[in-house]
Protein backbone atom coordinates (compact mmCIF):
# COMPACT_ATOMS: atom_id res chain seq x y z
CA MET A 1 -0.02 0.01 -0.01
CA LEU A 2 1.56 3.22 -1.06
CA ARG A 3 1.73 5.97 1.60
CA PHE A 4 1.49 9.46 0.23
CA HIS A 5 2.40 11.33 3.41
CA ALA A 6 5.98 12.30 4.41
CA PRO A 7 8.46 10.71 4.64
CA PHE A 8 7.12 8.05 2.26
CA ASP A 9 5.83 10.43 -0.42
CA GLY A 10 4.25 7.78 -2.56
CA LYS A 11 7.35 5.82 -3.12
CA ARG A 12 7.10 2.05 -3.73
CA TYR A 13 10.39 1.01 -2.21
CA ILE A 14 10.97 2.08 1.42
CA GLY A 15 14.19 1.40 3.29
CA ASP A 16 14.85 1.10 6.98
CA ASN A 17 18.23 2.71 7.68
CA ARG A 18 18.61 0.82 11.00
CA LEU A 19 18.23 -2.68 9.56
CA ARG A 20 19.36 -1.91 5.97
CA ILE A 21 16.34 -3.71 4.52
CA PHE A 22 13.79 -2.37 2.02
CA HIS A 23 10.15 -3.01 1.64
CA ASP A 24 8.12 -3.25 -1.55
CA CYS A 25 4.85 -1.34 -0.89
CA ALA A 26 3.17 -3.21 -3.77
CA TYR A 27 3.75 -6.58 -1.97
CA GLU A 28 4.12 -5.68 1.69
CA ALA A 29 3.17 -8.30 4.15
CA VAL A 30 1.65 -6.34 7.01
CA SER A 31 1.85 -8.05 10.39
CA THR A 32 0.41 -6.86 13.74
CA GLY A 33 2.88 -8.98 15.73
CA PRO A 34 6.58 -8.53 16.33
CA ASP A 35 7.43 -10.91 13.51
CA GLY A 36 6.70 -10.16 9.92
CA CYS A 37 7.12 -7.14 7.77
CA GLY A 38 8.09 -4.10 9.80
CA ILE A 39 7.30 -1.23 7.42
CA ASP A 40 4.84 0.30 9.89
CA ARG A 41 7.45 0.18 12.66
CA ILE A 42 10.10 2.31 10.90
CA PRO A 43 10.61 5.61 12.70
CA ASP A 44 10.14 8.53 10.31
CA GLU A 45 13.77 9.62 10.79
CA GLU A 46 14.97 6.16 9.69
CA VAL A 47 12.89 5.94 6.48
CA ARG A 48 14.96 5.89 3.33
CA THR A 49 13.57 6.30 -0.21
CA PHE A 50 15.54 5.58 -3.34
CA GLU A 51 16.12 7.23 -6.73
CA PRO A 52 15.31 5.58 -8.92
CA ASP A 53 12.34 4.18 -7.03
CA THR A 54 13.21 0.58 -8.05
CA MET A 55 14.40 -2.61 -6.43
CA SER A 56 17.83 -2.19 -8.06
CA GLY A 57 17.93 1.38 -6.77
CA ALA A 58 17.60 0.04 -3.23
CA VAL A 59 20.19 -2.73 -3.76
CA LEU A 60 22.64 -0.16 -5.17
CA TRP A 61 22.44 1.59 -1.79
CA GLY A 62 23.34 -1.65 0.02
CA PHE A 63 19.83 -2.59 1.19
CA VAL A 64 18.45 -6.09 1.08
CA HIS A 65 14.80 -7.09 0.41
CA CYS A 66 12.46 -7.62 3.40
CA PRO A 67 12.02 -11.39 3.41
CA TYR A 68 8.28 -11.07 4.11
CA CYS A 69 7.58 -8.71 1.22
CA LEU A 70 9.77 -10.88 -1.03
CA GLN A 71 7.96 -14.03 -0.06
CA ARG A 72 4.58 -12.47 -0.73
CA ARG A 73 5.77 -11.14 -4.08
CA GLN A 74 7.06 -14.53 -5.17
CA SER A 75 3.86 -16.23 -4.00
CA ILE A 76 1.63 -13.87 -5.91
CA GLN A 77 3.75 -14.07 -9.13
CA SER A 78 3.82 -17.86 -9.07
CA ALA A 79 0.06 -17.98 -8.57
CA ASN A 80 -0.33 -15.90 -11.74
CA LYS A 81 1.66 -18.25 -13.91
């Protein structure tokens, strides 16, 4: 789910500077517990967006994919084959 308020500003790929992981807002796996995707637990001052707003843009900055977002993306893509 894209977030259009600051500091997200409608970007698809959102990084967490503390953990050096990035989330894909198109495939985020929201969790209310301590496990799972932590996109909603990133403090505003630790949010990182990327230019270009792409997966490769995040990787170029040394971030790795959130395993929960990645698993959901792979699951949805394989179901569509």
